[in-house]
Amino acid sequence: MEIILTSQNFDQEVIKSAKPVVVDVYAPWCGPCKMMGPVFEGLAKELSSKYVFGKLNIDEDREIAVRYNISSIPAFLFIKNGQVIGKETGYMSKETLEIKIKTYFDMSS
């Protein structure tokens, strides 16, 4: 399951999370973001026991995008113990995103 992230809950849900967090930064008008939606949702269902999955609408919470230097979307932040350990942008297949998630989080163990 994905958590809807806002500036009000970001620190609690992401920075203070006991599990590693994958954040999907998107906009409802963005074509590649729409294509990533089902991919991200599928991985969230499959991997929710190990990771937290959150979605952040860049139009509604621009200050978080600025904080993390997001300049293009879709963007994915990989956050562990409150620290960004990786960042990716653009559309990718489910397999590619899953490999990136596991690589980033297993590398930083």
PDB file of N, CA and C in Angstrom:
ATOM      1  N   MET A   1       0.833  -1.185   0.000  1.00  0.00           N
ATOM      2  CA  MET A   1       0.000   0.000   0.000  1.00  0.00           C
ATOM      3  C   MET A   1       0.879   1.251   0.000  1.00  0.00           C
ATOM      4  N   GLU A   2       0.429   2.261  -0.711  1.00  0.00           N
ATOM      5  CA  GLU A   2       1.176   3.506  -0.787  1.00  0.00           C
ATOM      6  C   GLU A   2       0.596   4.515   0.208  1.00  0.00           C
ATOM      7  N   ILE A   3       1.469   5.312   0.748  1.00  0.00           N
ATOM      8  CA  ILE A   3       1.063   6.399   1.632  1.00  0.00           C
ATOM      9  C   ILE A   3       1.060   7.676   0.802  1.00  0.00           C
ATOM     10  N   ILE A   4       0.029   8.483   0.954  1.00  0.00           N
ATOM     11  CA  ILE A   4       0.006   9.790   0.298  1.00  0.00           C
ATOM     12  C   ILE A   4       0.804  10.746   1.187  1.00  0.00           C
ATOM     13  N   LEU A   5       1.871  11.272   0.649  1.00  0.00           N
ATOM     14  CA  LEU A   5       2.760  12.135   1.421  1.00  0.00           C
ATOM     15  C   LEU A   5       2.423  13.603   1.189  1.00  0.00           C
ATOM     16  N   THR A   6       2.530  14.371   2.255  1.00  0.00           N
ATOM     17  CA  THR A   6       2.330  15.815   2.203  1.00  0.00           C
ATOM     18  C   THR A   6       3.422  16.457   3.052  1.00  0.00           C
ATOM     19  N   SER A   7       3.514  17.776   2.996  1.00  0.00           N
ATOM     20  CA  SER A   7       4.503  18.445   3.852  1.00  0.00           C
ATOM     21  C   SER A   7       4.169  18.235   5.329  1.00  0.00           C
ATOM     22  N   GLN A   8       2.896  17.984   5.643  1.00  0.00           N
ATOM     23  CA  GLN A   8       2.495  17.771   7.035  1.00  0.00           C
ATOM     24  C   GLN A   8       2.943  16.412   7.578  1.00  0.00           C
ATOM     25  N   ASN A   9       2.953  15.365   6.746  1.00  0.00           N
ATOM     26  CA  ASN A   9       3.293  14.038   7.271  1.00  0.00           C
ATOM     27  C   ASN A   9       4.634  13.498   6.771  1.00  0.00           C
ATOM     28  N   PHE A  10       5.339  14.250   5.943  1.00  0.00           N
ATOM     29  CA  PHE A  10       6.564  13.739   5.315  1.00  0.00           C
ATOM     30  C   PHE A  10       7.614  13.306   6.342  1.00  0.00           C
ATOM     31  N   ASP A  11       7.916  14.163   7.302  1.00  0.00           N
ATOM     32  CA  ASP A  11       8.958  13.812   8.274  1.00  0.00           C
ATOM     33  C   ASP A  11       8.569  12.589   9.082  1.00  0.00           C
ATOM     34  N   GLN A  12       7.321  12.516   9.507  1.00  0.00           N
ATOM     35  CA  GLN A  12       6.866  11.378  10.311  1.00  0.00           C
ATOM     36  C   GLN A  12       6.890  10.077   9.512  1.00  0.00           C
ATOM     37  N   GLU A  13       6.353  10.103   8.296  1.00  0.00           N
ATOM     38  CA  GLU A  13       6.210   8.887   7.491  1.00  0.00           C
ATOM     39  C   GLU A  13       7.505   8.463   6.796  1.00  0.00           C
ATOM     40  N   VAL A  14       8.360   9.428   6.474  1.00  0.00           N
ATOM     41  CA  VAL A  14       9.555   9.121   5.683  1.00  0.00           C
ATOM     42  C   VAL A  14      10.822   9.223   6.514  1.00  0.00           C
ATOM     43  N   ILE A  15      11.087  10.386   7.057  1.00  0.00           N
ATOM     44  CA  ILE A  15      12.347  10.619   7.769  1.00  0.00           C
ATOM     45  C   ILE A  15      12.445   9.757   9.024  1.00  0.00           C
ATOM     46  N   LYS A  16      11.338   9.583   9.728  1.00  0.00           N
ATOM     47  CA  LYS A  16      11.357   8.809  10.971  1.00  0.00           C
ATOM     48  C   LYS A  16      10.970   7.341  10.786  1.00  0.00           C
ATOM     49  N   SER A  17      10.788   6.905   9.558  1.00  0.00           N
ATOM     50  CA  SER A  17      10.367   5.529   9.281  1.00  0.00           C
ATOM     51  C   SER A  17      11.432   4.521   9.712  1.00  0.00           C
ATOM     52  N   ALA A  18      10.980   3.441  10.325  1.00  0.00           N
ATOM     53  CA  ALA A  18      11.893   2.363  10.708  1.00  0.00           C
ATOM     54  C   ALA A  18      12.311   1.545   9.483  1.00  0.00           C
ATOM     55  N   LYS A  19      11.479   1.546   8.448  1.00  0.00           N
ATOM     56  CA  LYS A  19      11.778   0.804   7.217  1.00  0.00           C
ATOM     57  C   LYS A  19      12.338   1.766   6.171  1.00  0.00           C
ATOM     58  N   PRO A  20      13.087   1.255   5.202  1.00  0.00           N
ATOM     59  CA  PRO A  20      13.502   2.082   4.071  1.00  0.00           C
ATOM     60  C   PRO A  20      12.266   2.564   3.302  1.00  0.00           C
ATOM     61  N   VAL A  21      12.351   3.750   2.710  1.00  0.00           N
ATOM     62  CA  VAL A  21      11.205   4.365   2.042  1.00  0.00           C
ATOM     63  C   VAL A  21      11.535   4.688   0.583  1.00  0.00           C
ATOM     64  N   VAL A  22      10.600   4.352  -0.302  1.00  0.00           N
ATOM     65  CA  VAL A  22      10.686   4.746  -1.704  1.00  0.00           C
ATOM     66  C   VAL A  22       9.616   5.808  -1.915  1.00  0.00           C
ATOM     67  N   VAL A  23      10.029   7.000  -2.353  1.00  0.00           N
ATOM     68  CA  VAL A  23       9.099   8.098  -2.583  1.00  0.00           C
ATOM     69  C   VAL A  23       8.982   8.339  -4.085  1.00  0.00           C
ATOM     70  N   ASP A  24       7.744   8.295  -4.578  1.00  0.00           N
ATOM     71  CA  ASP A  24       7.435   8.601  -5.974  1.00  0.00           C
ATOM     72  C   ASP A  24       6.970  10.048  -6.025  1.00  0.00           C
ATOM     73  N   VAL A  25       7.780  10.922  -6.626  1.00  0.00           N
ATOM     74  CA  VAL A  25       7.416  12.333  -6.781  1.00  0.00           C
ATOM     75  C   VAL A  25       6.816  12.473  -8.177  1.00  0.00           C
ATOM     76  N   TYR A  26       5.558  12.916  -8.224  1.00  0.00           N
ATOM     77  CA  TYR A  26       4.812  12.911  -9.479  1.00  0.00           C
ATOM     78  C   TYR A  26       3.916  14.149  -9.589  1.00  0.00           C
ATOM     79  N   ALA A  27       3.275  14.277 -10.747  1.00  0.00           N
ATOM     80  CA  ALA A  27       2.220  15.280 -10.948  1.00  0.00           C
ATOM     81  C   ALA A  27       1.107  14.600 -11.747  1.00  0.00           C
ATOM     82  N   PRO A  28      -0.139  14.934 -11.453  1.00  0.00           N
ATOM     83  CA  PRO A  28      -1.255  14.280 -12.144  1.00  0.00           C
ATOM     84  C   PRO A  28      -1.286  14.529 -13.657  1.00  0.00           C
ATOM     85  N   TRP A  29      -0.669  15.610 -14.133  1.00  0.00           N
ATOM     86  CA  TRP A  29      -0.672  15.945 -15.554  1.00  0.00           C
ATOM     87  C   TRP A  29       0.485  15.321 -16.328  1.00  0.00           C
ATOM     88  N   CYS A  30       1.395  14.663 -15.635  1.00  0.00           N
ATOM     89  CA  CYS A  30       2.627  14.125 -16.234  1.00  0.00           C
ATOM     90  C   CYS A  30       2.381  12.732 -16.824  1.00  0.00           C
ATOM     91  N   GLY A  31       2.563  12.600 -18.140  1.00  0.00           N
ATOM     92  CA  GLY A  31       2.346  11.326 -18.827  1.00  0.00           C
ATOM     93  C   GLY A  31       3.187  10.174 -18.278  1.00  0.00           C
ATOM     94  N   PRO A  32       4.517  10.329 -18.209  1.00  0.00           N
ATOM     95  CA  PRO A  32       5.336   9.247 -17.660  1.00  0.00           C
ATOM     96  C   PRO A  32       4.977   8.913 -16.206  1.00  0.00           C
ATOM     97  N   CYS A  33       4.544   9.925 -15.449  1.00  0.00           N
ATOM     98  CA  CYS A  33       4.127   9.687 -14.058  1.00  0.00           C
ATOM     99  C   CYS A  33       2.900   8.788 -14.033  1.00  0.00           C
ATOM    100  N   LYS A  34       1.955   9.045 -14.950  1.00  0.00           N
ATOM    101  CA  LYS A  34       0.747   8.215 -15.029  1.00  0.00           C
ATOM    102  C   LYS A  34       1.113   6.778 -15.379  1.00  0.00           C
ATOM    103  N   MET A  35       2.092   6.611 -16.260  1.00  0.00           N
ATOM    104  CA  MET A  35       2.521   5.268 -16.639  1.00  0.00           C
ATOM    105  C   MET A  35       3.204   4.547 -15.476  1.00  0.00           C
ATOM    106  N   MET A  36       3.884   5.299 -14.623  1.00  0.00           N
ATOM    107  CA  MET A  36       4.576   4.700 -13.473  1.00  0.00           C
ATOM    108  C   MET A  36       3.604   4.316 -12.357  1.00  0.00           C
ATOM    109  N   GLY A  37       2.420   4.924 -12.327  1.00  0.00           N
ATOM    110  CA  GLY A  37       1.457   4.675 -11.254  1.00  0.00           C
ATOM    111  C   GLY A  37       1.212   3.203 -10.975  1.00  0.00           C
ATOM    112  N   PRO A  38       0.771   2.419 -11.979  1.00  0.00           N
ATOM    113  CA  PRO A  38       0.510   0.999 -11.737  1.00  0.00           C
ATOM    114  C   PRO A  38       1.771   0.205 -11.378  1.00  0.00           C
ATOM    115  N   VAL A  39       2.901   0.600 -11.933  1.00  0.00           N
ATOM    116  CA  VAL A  39       4.181  -0.068 -11.628  1.00  0.00           C
ATOM    117  C   VAL A  39       4.504   0.124 -10.144  1.00  0.00           C
ATOM    118  N   PHE A  40       4.434   1.364  -9.700  1.00  0.00           N
ATOM    119  CA  PHE A  40       4.743   1.697  -8.306  1.00  0.00           C
ATOM    120  C   PHE A  40       3.754   1.019  -7.359  1.00  0.00           C
ATOM    121  N   GLU A  41       2.479   1.064  -7.725  1.00  0.00           N
ATOM    122  CA  GLU A  41       1.432   0.446  -6.909  1.00  0.00           C
ATOM    123  C   GLU A  41       1.653  -1.062  -6.775  1.00  0.00           C
ATOM    124  N   GLY A  42       2.013  -1.711  -7.879  1.00  0.00           N
ATOM    125  CA  GLY A  42       2.265  -3.151  -7.854  1.00  0.00           C
ATOM    126  C   GLY A  42       3.423  -3.510  -6.940  1.00  0.00           C
ATOM    127  N   LEU A  43       4.507  -2.755  -7.032  1.00  0.00           N
ATOM    128  CA  LEU A  43       5.658  -3.016  -6.167  1.00  0.00           C
ATOM    129  C   LEU A  43       5.326  -2.716  -4.713  1.00  0.00           C
ATOM    130  N   ALA A  44       4.506  -1.697  -4.483  1.00  0.00           N
ATOM    131  CA  ALA A  44       4.107  -1.361  -3.116  1.00  0.00           C
ATOM    132  C   ALA A  44       3.366  -2.536  -2.482  1.00  0.00           C
ATOM    133  N   LYS A  45       2.511  -3.185  -3.244  1.00  0.00           N
ATOM    134  CA  LYS A  45       1.774  -4.348  -2.725  1.00  0.00           C
ATOM    135  C   LYS A  45       2.719  -5.517  -2.466  1.00  0.00           C
ATOM    136  N   GLU A  46       3.625  -5.751  -3.393  1.00  0.00           N
ATOM    137  CA  GLU A  46       4.528  -6.913  -3.294  1.00  0.00           C
ATOM    138  C   GLU A  46       5.596  -6.763  -2.215  1.00  0.00           C
ATOM    139  N   LEU A  47       6.093  -5.554  -2.024  1.00  0.00           N
ATOM    140  CA  LEU A  47       7.265  -5.363  -1.166  1.00  0.00           C
ATOM    141  C   LEU A  47       6.982  -4.588   0.118  1.00  0.00           C
ATOM    142  N   SER A  48       5.708  -4.411   0.452  1.00  0.00           N
ATOM    143  CA  SER A  48       5.361  -3.576   1.614  1.00  0.00           C
ATOM    144  C   SER A  48       5.824  -4.151   2.951  1.00  0.00           C
ATOM    145  N   SER A  49       6.170  -5.426   2.986  1.00  0.00           N
ATOM    146  CA  SER A  49       6.664  -5.982   4.250  1.00  0.00           C
ATOM    147  C   SER A  49       8.085  -5.493   4.560  1.00  0.00           C
ATOM    148  N   LYS A  50       8.838  -5.121   3.513  1.00  0.00           N
ATOM    149  CA  LYS A  50      10.227  -4.677   3.710  1.00  0.00           C
ATOM    150  C   LYS A  50      10.428  -3.178   3.584  1.00  0.00           C
ATOM    151  N   TYR A  51       9.565  -2.530   2.773  1.00  0.00           N
ATOM    152  CA  TYR A  51       9.767  -1.122   2.454  1.00  0.00           C
ATOM    153  C   TYR A  51       8.457  -0.346   2.581  1.00  0.00           C
ATOM    154  N   VAL A  52       8.577   0.962   2.790  1.00  0.00           N
ATOM    155  CA  VAL A  52       7.433   1.865   2.773  1.00  0.00           C
ATOM    156  C   VAL A  52       7.427   2.551   1.406  1.00  0.00           C
ATOM    157  N   PHE A  53       6.246   2.676   0.812  1.00  0.00           N
ATOM    158  CA  PHE A  53       6.086   3.329  -0.485  1.00  0.00           C
ATOM    159  C   PHE A  53       5.200   4.547  -0.299  1.00  0.00           C
ATOM    160  N   GLY A  54       5.700   5.711  -0.725  1.00  0.00           N
ATOM    161  CA  GLY A  54       4.935   6.937  -0.592  1.00  0.00           C
ATOM    162  C   GLY A  54       4.886   7.709  -1.892  1.00  0.00           C
ATOM    163  N   LYS A  55       3.765   8.392  -2.103  1.00  0.00           N
ATOM    164  CA  LYS A  55       3.593   9.220  -3.301  1.00  0.00           C
ATOM    165  C   LYS A  55       3.465  10.671  -2.883  1.00  0.00           C
ATOM    166  N   LEU A  56       4.200  11.535  -3.576  1.00  0.00           N
ATOM    167  CA  LEU A  56       4.200  12.961  -3.284  1.00  0.00           C
ATOM    168  C   LEU A  56       3.839  13.742  -4.542  1.00  0.00           C
ATOM    169  N   ASN A  57       2.725  14.469  -4.482  1.00  0.00           N
ATOM    170  CA  ASN A  57       2.282  15.294  -5.604  1.00  0.00           C
ATOM    171  C   ASN A  57       3.084  16.597  -5.584  1.00  0.00           C
ATOM    172  N   ILE A  58       3.931  16.788  -6.581  1.00  0.00           N
ATOM    173  CA  ILE A  58       4.826  17.944  -6.620  1.00  0.00           C
ATOM    174  C   ILE A  58       4.057  19.263  -6.715  1.00  0.00           C
ATOM    175  N   ASP A  59       2.875  19.239  -7.322  1.00  0.00           N
ATOM    176  CA  ASP A  59       2.077  20.463  -7.437  1.00  0.00           C
ATOM    177  C   ASP A  59       1.517  20.900  -6.088  1.00  0.00           C
ATOM    178  N   GLU A  60       1.249  19.946  -5.209  1.00  0.00           N
ATOM    179  CA  GLU A  60       0.656  20.265  -3.911  1.00  0.00           C
ATOM    180  C   GLU A  60       1.699  20.510  -2.826  1.00  0.00           C
ATOM    181  N   ASP A  61       2.883  19.959  -2.981  1.00  0.00           N
ATOM    182  CA  ASP A  61       3.921  20.080  -1.946  1.00  0.00           C
ATOM    183  C   ASP A  61       5.277  20.370  -2.562  1.00  0.00           C
ATOM    184  N   ARG A  62       5.360  21.513  -3.196  1.00  0.00           N
ATOM    185  CA  ARG A  62       6.582  21.889  -3.900  1.00  0.00           C
ATOM    186  C   ARG A  62       7.789  22.031  -2.973  1.00  0.00           C
ATOM    187  N   GLU A  63       7.580  22.444  -1.712  1.00  0.00           N
ATOM    188  CA  GLU A  63       8.738  22.676  -0.840  1.00  0.00           C
ATOM    189  C   GLU A  63       9.549  21.408  -0.583  1.00  0.00           C
ATOM    190  N   ILE A  64       8.897  20.253  -0.573  1.00  0.00           N
ATOM    191  CA  ILE A  64       9.650  19.010  -0.386  1.00  0.00           C
ATOM    192  C   ILE A  64      10.469  18.715  -1.644  1.00  0.00           C
ATOM    193  N   ALA A  65       9.885  18.968  -2.805  1.00  0.00           N
ATOM    194  CA  ALA A  65      10.625  18.783  -4.060  1.00  0.00           C
ATOM    195  C   ALA A  65      11.848  19.694  -4.097  1.00  0.00           C
ATOM    196  N   VAL A  66      11.693  20.913  -3.622  1.00  0.00           N
ATOM    197  CA  VAL A  66      12.816  21.851  -3.570  1.00  0.00           C
ATOM    198  C   VAL A  66      13.866  21.348  -2.578  1.00  0.00           C
ATOM    199  N   ARG A  67      13.427  20.878  -1.414  1.00  0.00           N
ATOM    200  CA  ARG A  67      14.344  20.374  -0.377  1.00  0.00           C
ATOM    201  C   ARG A  67      15.236  19.266  -0.927  1.00  0.00           C
ATOM    202  N   TYR A  68      14.661  18.424  -1.795  1.00  0.00           N
ATOM    203  CA  TYR A  68      15.416  17.281  -2.324  1.00  0.00           C
ATOM    204  C   TYR A  68      15.894  17.489  -3.762  1.00  0.00           C
ATOM    205  N   ASN A  69      15.853  18.739  -4.223  1.00  0.00           N
ATOM    206  CA  ASN A  69      16.414  19.069  -5.531  1.00  0.00           C
ATOM    207  C   ASN A  69      15.777  18.288  -6.686  1.00  0.00           C
ATOM    208  N   ILE A  70      14.472  18.138  -6.655  1.00  0.00           N
ATOM    209  CA  ILE A  70      13.765  17.442  -7.728  1.00  0.00           C
ATOM    210  C   ILE A  70      13.520  18.439  -8.849  1.00  0.00           C
ATOM    211  N   SER A  71      14.082  18.176 -10.013  1.00  0.00           N
ATOM    212  CA  SER A  71      13.913  19.102 -11.129  1.00  0.00           C
ATOM    213  C   SER A  71      13.146  18.479 -12.286  1.00  0.00           C
ATOM    214  N   SER A  72      12.968  17.161 -12.283  1.00  0.00           N
ATOM    215  CA  SER A  72      12.157  16.527 -13.316  1.00  0.00           C
ATOM    216  C   SER A  72      11.398  15.352 -12.690  1.00  0.00           C
ATOM    217  N   ILE A  73      10.271  15.036 -13.307  1.00  0.00           N
ATOM    218  CA  ILE A  73       9.425  13.965 -12.775  1.00  0.00           C
ATOM    219  C   ILE A  73       9.079  12.985 -13.888  1.00  0.00           C
ATOM    220  N   PRO A  74       8.728  11.751 -13.561  1.00  0.00           N
ATOM    221  CA  PRO A  74       8.701  11.218 -12.210  1.00  0.00           C
ATOM    222  C   PRO A  74      10.103  11.108 -11.625  1.00  0.00           C
ATOM    223  N   ALA A  75      10.165  11.286 -10.320  1.00  0.00           N
ATOM    224  CA  ALA A  75      11.436  11.125  -9.601  1.00  0.00           C
ATOM    225  C   ALA A  75      11.192  10.169  -8.443  1.00  0.00           C
ATOM    226  N   PHE A  76      12.203   9.419  -8.108  1.00  0.00           N
ATOM    227  CA  PHE A  76      12.114   8.449  -7.021  1.00  0.00           C
ATOM    228  C   PHE A  76      13.244   8.702  -6.045  1.00  0.00           C
ATOM    229  N   LEU A  77      12.878   8.883  -4.797  1.00  0.00           N
ATOM    230  CA  LEU A  77      13.861   9.049  -3.728  1.00  0.00           C
ATOM    231  C   LEU A  77      13.928   7.755  -2.941  1.00  0.00           C
ATOM    232  N   PHE A  78      15.129   7.327  -2.634  1.00  0.00           N
ATOM    233  CA  PHE A  78      15.349   6.128  -1.826  1.00  0.00           C
ATOM    234  C   PHE A  78      15.934   6.612  -0.506  1.00  0.00           C
ATOM    235  N   ILE A  79      15.159   6.475   0.562  1.00  0.00           N
ATOM    236  CA  ILE A  79      15.515   7.067   1.848  1.00  0.00           C
ATOM    237  C   ILE A  79      15.597   5.978   2.914  1.00  0.00           C
ATOM    238  N   LYS A  80      16.714   5.973   3.618  1.00  0.00           N
ATOM    239  CA  LYS A  80      16.930   4.990   4.684  1.00  0.00           C
ATOM    240  C   LYS A  80      17.505   5.726   5.888  1.00  0.00           C
ATOM    241  N   ASN A  81      16.940   5.456   7.048  1.00  0.00           N
ATOM    242  CA  ASN A  81      17.365   6.124   8.284  1.00  0.00           C
ATOM    243  C   ASN A  81      17.364   7.643   8.137  1.00  0.00           C
ATOM    244  N   GLY A  82      16.349   8.156   7.430  1.00  0.00           N
ATOM    245  CA  GLY A  82      16.200   9.601   7.281  1.00  0.00           C
ATOM    246  C   GLY A  82      17.097  10.249   6.250  1.00  0.00           C
ATOM    247  N   GLN A  83      17.938   9.456   5.578  1.00  0.00           N
ATOM    248  CA  GLN A  83      18.893  10.004   4.613  1.00  0.00           C
ATOM    249  C   GLN A  83      18.582   9.520   3.196  1.00  0.00           C
ATOM    250  N   VAL A  84      18.692  10.420   2.230  1.00  0.00           N
ATOM    251  CA  VAL A  84      18.540  10.021   0.832  1.00  0.00           C
ATOM    252  C   VAL A  84      19.800   9.260   0.431  1.00  0.00           C
ATOM    253  N   ILE A  85      19.603   8.015   0.015  1.00  0.00           N
ATOM    254  CA  ILE A  85      20.756   7.217  -0.408  1.00  0.00           C
ATOM    255  C   ILE A  85      20.758   6.998  -1.915  1.00  0.00           C
ATOM    256  N   GLY A  86      19.683   7.460  -2.574  1.00  0.00           N
ATOM    257  CA  GLY A  86      19.625   7.342  -4.023  1.00  0.00           C
ATOM    258  C   GLY A  86      18.491   8.147  -4.595  1.00  0.00           C
ATOM    259  N   LYS A  87      18.631   8.505  -5.875  1.00  0.00           N
ATOM    260  CA  LYS A  87      17.597   9.276  -6.565  1.00  0.00           C
ATOM    261  C   LYS A  87      17.625   8.868  -8.028  1.00  0.00           C
ATOM    262  N   GLU A  88      16.456   8.612  -8.582  1.00  0.00           N
ATOM    263  CA  GLU A  88      16.328   8.245  -9.991  1.00  0.00           C
ATOM    264  C   GLU A  88      15.204   9.070 -10.598  1.00  0.00           C
ATOM    265  N   THR A  89      15.272   9.302 -11.902  1.00  0.00           N
ATOM    266  CA  THR A  89      14.194  10.021 -12.573  1.00  0.00           C
ATOM    267  C   THR A  89      13.786   9.272 -13.834  1.00  0.00           C
ATOM    268  N   GLY A  90      12.549   9.518 -14.247  1.00  0.00           N
ATOM    269  CA  GLY A  90      12.055   8.974 -15.501  1.00  0.00           C
ATOM    270  C   GLY A  90      11.316   7.659 -15.348  1.00  0.00           C
ATOM    271  N   TYR A  91      10.634   7.299 -16.422  1.00  0.00           N
ATOM    272  CA  TYR A  91       9.883   6.041 -16.442  1.00  0.00           C
ATOM    273  C   TYR A  91      10.848   4.865 -16.428  1.00  0.00           C
ATOM    274  N   MET A  92      10.468   3.803 -15.733  1.00  0.00           N
ATOM    275  CA  MET A  92      11.227   2.552 -15.781  1.00  0.00           C
ATOM    276  C   MET A  92      10.275   1.388 -15.606  1.00  0.00           C
ATOM    277  N   SER A  93      10.680   0.237 -16.053  1.00  0.00           N
ATOM    278  CA  SER A  93       9.844  -0.947 -15.924  1.00  0.00           C
ATOM    279  C   SER A  93       9.772  -1.380 -14.461  1.00  0.00           C
ATOM    280  N   LYS A  94       8.811  -2.227 -14.171  1.00  0.00           N
ATOM    281  CA  LYS A  94       8.664  -2.761 -12.817  1.00  0.00           C
ATOM    282  C   LYS A  94       9.947  -3.483 -12.389  1.00  0.00           C
ATOM    283  N   GLU A  95      10.494  -4.268 -13.282  1.00  0.00           N
ATOM    284  CA  GLU A  95      11.708  -5.023 -12.976  1.00  0.00           C
ATOM    285  C   GLU A  95      12.870  -4.083 -12.664  1.00  0.00           C
ATOM    286  N   THR A  96      13.013  -3.028 -13.455  1.00  0.00           N
ATOM    287  CA  THR A  96      14.105  -2.077 -13.247  1.00  0.00           C
ATOM    288  C   THR A  96      13.957  -1.360 -11.910  1.00  0.00           C
ATOM    289  N   LEU A  97      12.742  -0.908 -11.611  1.00  0.00           N
ATOM    290  CA  LEU A  97      12.523  -0.212 -10.340  1.00  0.00           C
ATOM    291  C   LEU A  97      12.773  -1.151  -9.162  1.00  0.00           C
ATOM    292  N   GLU A  98      12.335  -2.380  -9.283  1.00  0.00           N
ATOM    293  CA  GLU A  98      12.555  -3.347  -8.191  1.00  0.00           C
ATOM    294  C   GLU A  98      14.052  -3.590  -7.972  1.00  0.00           C
ATOM    295  N   ILE A  99      14.796  -3.711  -9.042  1.00  0.00           N
ATOM    296  CA  ILE A  99      16.250  -3.902  -8.927  1.00  0.00           C
ATOM    297  C   ILE A  99      16.889  -2.684  -8.256  1.00  0.00           C
ATOM    298  N   LYS A 100      16.464  -1.494  -8.652  1.00  0.00           N
ATOM    299  CA  LYS A 100      17.023  -0.273  -8.052  1.00  0.00           C
ATOM    300  C   LYS A 100      16.705  -0.202  -6.563  1.00  0.00           C
ATOM    301  N   ILE A 101      15.483  -0.536  -6.190  1.00  0.00           N
ATOM    302  CA  ILE A 101      15.095  -0.528  -4.776  1.00  0.00           C
ATOM    303  C   ILE A 101      16.001  -1.464  -3.982  1.00  0.00           C
ATOM    304  N   LYS A 102      16.107  -2.676  -4.452  1.00  0.00           N
ATOM    305  CA  LYS A 102      16.898  -3.677  -3.724  1.00  0.00           C
ATOM    306  C   LYS A 102      18.381  -3.303  -3.725  1.00  0.00           C
ATOM    307  N   THR A 103      18.878  -2.783  -4.821  1.00  0.00           N
ATOM    308  CA  THR A 103      20.289  -2.393  -4.902  1.00  0.00           C
ATOM    309  C   THR A 103      20.599  -1.264  -3.926  1.00  0.00           C
ATOM    310  N   TYR A 104      19.806  -0.194  -3.969  1.00  0.00           N
ATOM    311  CA  TYR A 104      20.050   0.936  -3.066  1.00  0.00           C
ATOM    312  C   TYR A 104      19.974   0.520  -1.608  1.00  0.00           C
ATOM    313  N   PHE A 105      18.937  -0.204  -1.240  1.00  0.00           N
ATOM    314  CA  PHE A 105      18.743  -0.520   0.170  1.00  0.00           C
ATOM    315  C   PHE A 105      19.658  -1.638   0.648  1.00  0.00           C
ATOM    316  N   ASP A 106      19.985  -2.590  -0.212  1.00  0.00           N
ATOM    317  CA  ASP A 106      20.900  -3.650   0.215  1.00  0.00           C
ATOM    318  C   ASP A 106      22.334  -3.153   0.279  1.00  0.00           C
ATOM    319  N   MET A 107      22.680  -2.190  -0.603  1.00  0.00           N
ATOM    320  CA  MET A 107      24.027  -1.601  -0.610  1.00  0.00           C
ATOM    321  C   MET A 107      24.309  -0.876   0.701  1.00  0.00           C
ATOM    322  N   SER A 108      23.263  -0.253   1.233  1.00  0.00           N
ATOM    323  CA  SER A 108      23.476   0.628   2.382  1.00  0.00           C
ATOM    324  C   SER A 108      23.283  -0.076   3.716  1.00  0.00           C
ATOM    325  N   SER A 109      23.166  -1.385   3.697  1.00  0.00           N
ATOM    326  CA  SER A 109      22.940  -2.133   4.948  1.00  0.00           C
ATOM    327  C   SER A 109      24.137  -2.059   5.873  1.00  0.00           C
TER     328      SER A 109
END
